[in-house]
């Protein structure tokens, strides 16, 4: 699991593939996340040809979880997580 610091810009990535390993392109892709406190949020998605990214700026330590969900012409989903370290120095 990747580890980041509070305030880093974390780029989350998803690649949607079919059973043969080829990339697929849904009609729309949504991105949502949940922080360690249980608060949910969304962010914009960019990408093409089955590979999508979204950026989160974590403001709280712990495990963050995210999900890309494709709808329409191809329904797919991919989830992931990353860890944010406790801040020891404040500035």
N, C-alpha and C. Protein backbone atom coordinates (compact mmCIF):
# COMPACT_ATOMS: atom_id res chain seq x y z
N UNK A 1 0.85 -1.17 0.00
CA UNK A 1 0.00 0.00 0.00
C UNK A 1 0.89 1.23 0.00
N UNK A 2 0.61 2.15 -0.89
CA UNK A 2 1.39 3.38 -0.98
C UNK A 2 1.11 4.26 0.23
N UNK A 3 2.13 5.01 0.68
CA UNK A 3 2.00 5.89 1.83
C UNK A 3 2.32 7.31 1.42
N UNK A 4 1.50 8.26 1.92
CA UNK A 4 1.64 9.68 1.58
C UNK A 4 1.59 10.51 2.85
N UNK A 5 1.86 11.81 2.70
CA UNK A 5 1.76 12.75 3.79
C UNK A 5 0.52 13.60 3.63
N UNK A 6 0.04 14.17 4.75
CA UNK A 6 -1.09 15.08 4.70
C UNK A 6 -0.72 16.23 3.77
N UNK A 7 -1.61 16.57 2.85
CA UNK A 7 -1.39 17.66 1.90
C UNK A 7 -0.81 17.23 0.57
N UNK A 8 -0.32 16.01 0.46
CA UNK A 8 0.16 15.52 -0.84
C UNK A 8 -1.01 15.44 -1.81
N UNK A 9 -0.73 15.57 -3.08
CA UNK A 9 -1.74 15.31 -4.11
C UNK A 9 -1.55 13.86 -4.53
N UNK A 10 -2.56 13.04 -4.25
CA UNK A 10 -2.50 11.60 -4.53
C UNK A 10 -3.29 11.32 -5.80
N UNK A 11 -2.62 10.79 -6.81
CA UNK A 11 -3.30 10.43 -8.06
C UNK A 11 -3.69 8.95 -7.99
N UNK A 12 -4.99 8.71 -8.06
CA UNK A 12 -5.53 7.35 -8.06
C UNK A 12 -5.78 6.95 -9.51
N UNK A 13 -5.52 5.70 -9.84
CA UNK A 13 -5.64 5.22 -11.22
C UNK A 13 -6.43 3.92 -11.27
N UNK A 14 -7.22 3.79 -12.33
CA UNK A 14 -7.95 2.54 -12.58
C UNK A 14 -7.82 2.19 -14.05
N UNK A 15 -7.66 0.91 -14.34
CA UNK A 15 -7.66 0.41 -15.71
C UNK A 15 -8.77 -0.62 -15.82
N UNK A 16 -9.74 -0.36 -16.69
CA UNK A 16 -10.85 -1.28 -16.87
C UNK A 16 -10.51 -2.24 -18.01
N UNK A 17 -10.58 -3.55 -17.70
CA UNK A 17 -10.28 -4.57 -18.70
C UNK A 17 -11.40 -5.60 -18.74
N UNK A 18 -11.48 -6.30 -19.88
CA UNK A 18 -12.43 -7.40 -19.98
C UNK A 18 -11.73 -8.71 -19.62
N UNK A 19 -12.42 -9.81 -19.72
CA UNK A 19 -11.85 -11.10 -19.31
C UNK A 19 -10.65 -11.53 -20.15
N UNK A 20 -10.52 -10.98 -21.35
CA UNK A 20 -9.37 -11.34 -22.18
C UNK A 20 -8.17 -10.40 -21.96
N UNK A 21 -8.34 -9.40 -21.06
CA UNK A 21 -7.25 -8.49 -20.76
C UNK A 21 -7.23 -7.23 -21.60
N UNK A 22 -8.17 -7.08 -22.52
CA UNK A 22 -8.25 -5.86 -23.33
C UNK A 22 -8.93 -4.75 -22.55
N UNK A 23 -8.50 -3.51 -22.79
CA UNK A 23 -9.14 -2.40 -22.08
C UNK A 23 -10.52 -2.13 -22.65
N UNK A 24 -11.42 -1.67 -21.80
CA UNK A 24 -12.78 -1.35 -22.18
C UNK A 24 -13.10 0.08 -21.78
N UNK A 25 -14.05 0.68 -22.48
CA UNK A 25 -14.36 2.09 -22.28
C UNK A 25 -15.83 2.24 -21.90
N UNK A 26 -16.13 2.50 -20.62
CA UNK A 26 -17.51 2.76 -20.21
C UNK A 26 -18.00 4.09 -20.79
N UNK A 27 -19.30 4.29 -20.81
CA UNK A 27 -19.85 5.58 -21.28
C UNK A 27 -19.52 6.71 -20.31
N UNK A 28 -19.50 6.41 -19.02
CA UNK A 28 -19.18 7.41 -18.00
C UNK A 28 -18.42 6.73 -16.87
N UNK A 29 -17.55 7.49 -16.20
CA UNK A 29 -16.79 6.96 -15.07
C UNK A 29 -16.91 7.96 -13.92
N UNK A 30 -17.27 7.46 -12.75
CA UNK A 30 -17.36 8.28 -11.54
C UNK A 30 -16.29 7.85 -10.55
N UNK A 31 -15.87 8.78 -9.72
CA UNK A 31 -14.86 8.51 -8.70
C UNK A 31 -15.38 8.96 -7.34
N UNK A 32 -15.27 8.10 -6.36
CA UNK A 32 -15.65 8.47 -5.00
C UNK A 32 -14.60 7.94 -4.04
N UNK A 33 -14.53 8.56 -2.86
CA UNK A 33 -13.56 8.14 -1.86
C UNK A 33 -14.17 8.26 -0.48
N UNK A 34 -13.52 7.59 0.49
CA UNK A 34 -13.92 7.68 1.89
C UNK A 34 -12.65 7.86 2.71
N UNK A 35 -12.66 8.89 3.56
CA UNK A 35 -11.49 9.14 4.39
C UNK A 35 -11.56 8.29 5.66
N UNK A 36 -10.50 8.29 6.49
CA UNK A 36 -10.48 7.44 7.68
C UNK A 36 -11.58 7.76 8.70
N UNK A 37 -12.14 8.97 8.65
CA UNK A 37 -13.22 9.35 9.56
C UNK A 37 -14.57 8.85 9.09
N UNK A 38 -14.61 8.31 7.85
CA UNK A 38 -15.87 7.82 7.29
C UNK A 38 -16.57 8.83 6.41
N UNK A 39 -15.95 9.97 6.18
CA UNK A 39 -16.53 11.01 5.33
C UNK A 39 -16.30 10.66 3.87
N UNK A 40 -17.36 10.72 3.07
CA UNK A 40 -17.27 10.40 1.64
C UNK A 40 -17.16 11.67 0.82
N UNK A 41 -16.55 11.52 -0.36
CA UNK A 41 -16.43 12.63 -1.29
C UNK A 41 -16.31 12.12 -2.70
N UNK A 42 -16.35 13.04 -3.64
CA UNK A 42 -16.17 12.72 -5.06
C UNK A 42 -15.15 13.68 -5.65
N UNK A 43 -14.62 13.31 -6.79
CA UNK A 43 -13.67 14.16 -7.51
C UNK A 43 -13.83 13.88 -9.00
N UNK A 44 -13.36 14.82 -9.81
CA UNK A 44 -13.47 14.66 -11.26
C UNK A 44 -12.54 13.54 -11.74
N UNK A 45 -12.88 13.00 -12.89
CA UNK A 45 -12.14 11.89 -13.50
C UNK A 45 -11.64 12.33 -14.86
N UNK A 46 -10.41 11.95 -15.18
CA UNK A 46 -9.90 12.17 -16.54
C UNK A 46 -9.32 10.86 -17.05
N UNK A 47 -9.17 10.77 -18.36
CA UNK A 47 -8.58 9.57 -18.93
C UNK A 47 -9.27 9.16 -20.21
N UNK A 48 -8.66 8.20 -20.88
CA UNK A 48 -9.19 7.67 -22.13
C UNK A 48 -8.77 6.21 -22.27
N UNK A 49 -9.37 5.53 -23.20
CA UNK A 49 -9.00 4.17 -23.59
C UNK A 49 -8.96 3.20 -22.43
N UNK A 50 -9.87 3.37 -21.46
CA UNK A 50 -9.96 2.42 -20.36
C UNK A 50 -9.07 2.69 -19.18
N UNK A 51 -8.24 3.75 -19.23
CA UNK A 51 -7.36 4.10 -18.12
C UNK A 51 -7.80 5.47 -17.59
N UNK A 52 -8.13 5.52 -16.29
CA UNK A 52 -8.71 6.72 -15.70
C UNK A 52 -7.95 7.13 -14.45
N UNK A 53 -7.90 8.45 -14.18
CA UNK A 53 -7.24 8.97 -12.99
C UNK A 53 -8.12 10.00 -12.31
N UNK A 54 -7.87 10.17 -11.03
CA UNK A 54 -8.51 11.20 -10.23
C UNK A 54 -7.54 11.56 -9.12
N UNK A 55 -7.62 12.79 -8.63
CA UNK A 55 -6.67 13.26 -7.62
C UNK A 55 -7.39 13.60 -6.32
N UNK A 56 -6.80 13.18 -5.21
CA UNK A 56 -7.31 13.46 -3.88
C UNK A 56 -6.20 14.17 -3.10
N UNK A 57 -6.56 15.16 -2.26
CA UNK A 57 -5.60 15.83 -1.39
C UNK A 57 -5.97 15.49 0.06
N UNK A 58 -5.38 14.43 0.62
CA UNK A 58 -5.76 13.99 1.96
C UNK A 58 -5.40 15.01 3.04
N UNK A 59 -6.32 15.17 3.99
CA UNK A 59 -6.13 16.12 5.07
C UNK A 59 -6.23 15.46 6.44
N UNK A 60 -6.16 14.13 6.48
CA UNK A 60 -6.32 13.39 7.73
C UNK A 60 -5.53 12.08 7.63
N UNK A 61 -4.83 11.68 8.69
CA UNK A 61 -4.05 10.44 8.63
C UNK A 61 -4.92 9.20 8.70
N UNK A 62 -4.41 8.11 8.15
CA UNK A 62 -5.09 6.82 8.18
C UNK A 62 -5.24 6.23 6.79
N UNK A 63 -6.12 5.24 6.67
CA UNK A 63 -6.35 4.55 5.40
C UNK A 63 -7.49 5.24 4.65
N UNK A 64 -7.21 5.66 3.44
CA UNK A 64 -8.19 6.25 2.54
C UNK A 64 -8.56 5.19 1.52
N UNK A 65 -9.84 5.08 1.18
CA UNK A 65 -10.32 4.10 0.20
C UNK A 65 -11.02 4.84 -0.94
N UNK A 66 -10.89 4.29 -2.15
CA UNK A 66 -11.52 4.93 -3.30
C UNK A 66 -12.11 3.89 -4.26
N UNK A 67 -12.99 4.39 -5.13
CA UNK A 67 -13.65 3.51 -6.10
C UNK A 67 -13.91 4.28 -7.40
N UNK A 68 -13.51 3.67 -8.50
CA UNK A 68 -13.90 4.13 -9.83
C UNK A 68 -15.05 3.24 -10.28
N UNK A 69 -16.11 3.82 -10.81
CA UNK A 69 -17.26 3.04 -11.28
C UNK A 69 -17.63 3.48 -12.69
N UNK A 70 -17.60 2.53 -13.61
CA UNK A 70 -17.97 2.80 -15.00
C UNK A 70 -19.40 2.35 -15.26
N UNK A 71 -20.12 3.13 -16.04
CA UNK A 71 -21.52 2.80 -16.37
C UNK A 71 -21.75 2.94 -17.87
N UNK A 72 -22.90 2.46 -18.32
CA UNK A 72 -23.29 2.63 -19.71
C UNK A 72 -22.87 1.47 -20.58
N UNK A 73 -22.07 1.75 -21.60
CA UNK A 73 -21.70 0.74 -22.59
C UNK A 73 -20.89 -0.41 -21.99
N UNK A 74 -20.21 -0.15 -20.90
CA UNK A 74 -19.48 -1.21 -20.20
C UNK A 74 -19.51 -0.90 -18.71
N UNK A 75 -20.04 -1.79 -17.92
CA UNK A 75 -20.13 -1.59 -16.48
C UNK A 75 -18.91 -2.23 -15.83
N UNK A 76 -18.16 -1.44 -15.08
CA UNK A 76 -16.95 -1.94 -14.43
C UNK A 76 -16.70 -1.12 -13.17
N UNK A 77 -15.90 -1.67 -12.28
CA UNK A 77 -15.50 -0.95 -11.07
C UNK A 77 -14.12 -1.40 -10.65
N UNK A 78 -13.42 -0.51 -10.01
CA UNK A 78 -12.11 -0.84 -9.43
C UNK A 78 -11.95 -0.04 -8.15
N UNK A 79 -11.49 -0.70 -7.10
CA UNK A 79 -11.29 -0.05 -5.82
C UNK A 79 -9.83 -0.12 -5.42
N UNK A 80 -9.44 0.80 -4.57
CA UNK A 80 -8.07 0.81 -4.06
C UNK A 80 -8.00 1.57 -2.75
N UNK A 81 -6.80 1.65 -2.20
CA UNK A 81 -6.61 2.37 -0.95
C UNK A 81 -5.17 2.87 -0.86
N UNK A 82 -4.97 3.83 0.01
CA UNK A 82 -3.64 4.33 0.30
C UNK A 82 -3.61 4.80 1.75
N UNK A 83 -2.41 4.92 2.29
CA UNK A 83 -2.22 5.31 3.69
C UNK A 83 -1.66 6.72 3.76
N UNK A 84 -2.14 7.49 4.75
CA UNK A 84 -1.61 8.83 4.99
C UNK A 84 -1.00 8.83 6.39
N UNK A 85 0.27 9.28 6.47
CA UNK A 85 1.00 9.31 7.74
C UNK A 85 0.50 10.42 8.65
N UNK A 86 0.70 10.20 9.93
CA UNK A 86 0.42 11.22 10.94
C UNK A 86 1.45 12.33 10.78
N UNK A 87 0.99 13.57 10.88
CA UNK A 87 1.90 14.71 10.79
C UNK A 87 2.56 14.91 12.14
N UNK A 88 3.90 14.96 12.16
CA UNK A 88 4.65 15.15 13.40
C UNK A 88 5.19 16.58 13.55
N UNK A 89 5.26 17.28 12.44
CA UNK A 89 5.75 18.66 12.48
C UNK A 89 4.67 19.54 11.86
N UNK A 90 4.27 20.58 12.59
CA UNK A 90 3.29 21.52 12.03
C UNK A 90 4.00 22.79 11.64
N UNK A 91 3.56 23.37 10.58
CA UNK A 91 4.19 24.61 10.11
C UNK A 91 3.14 25.60 9.73
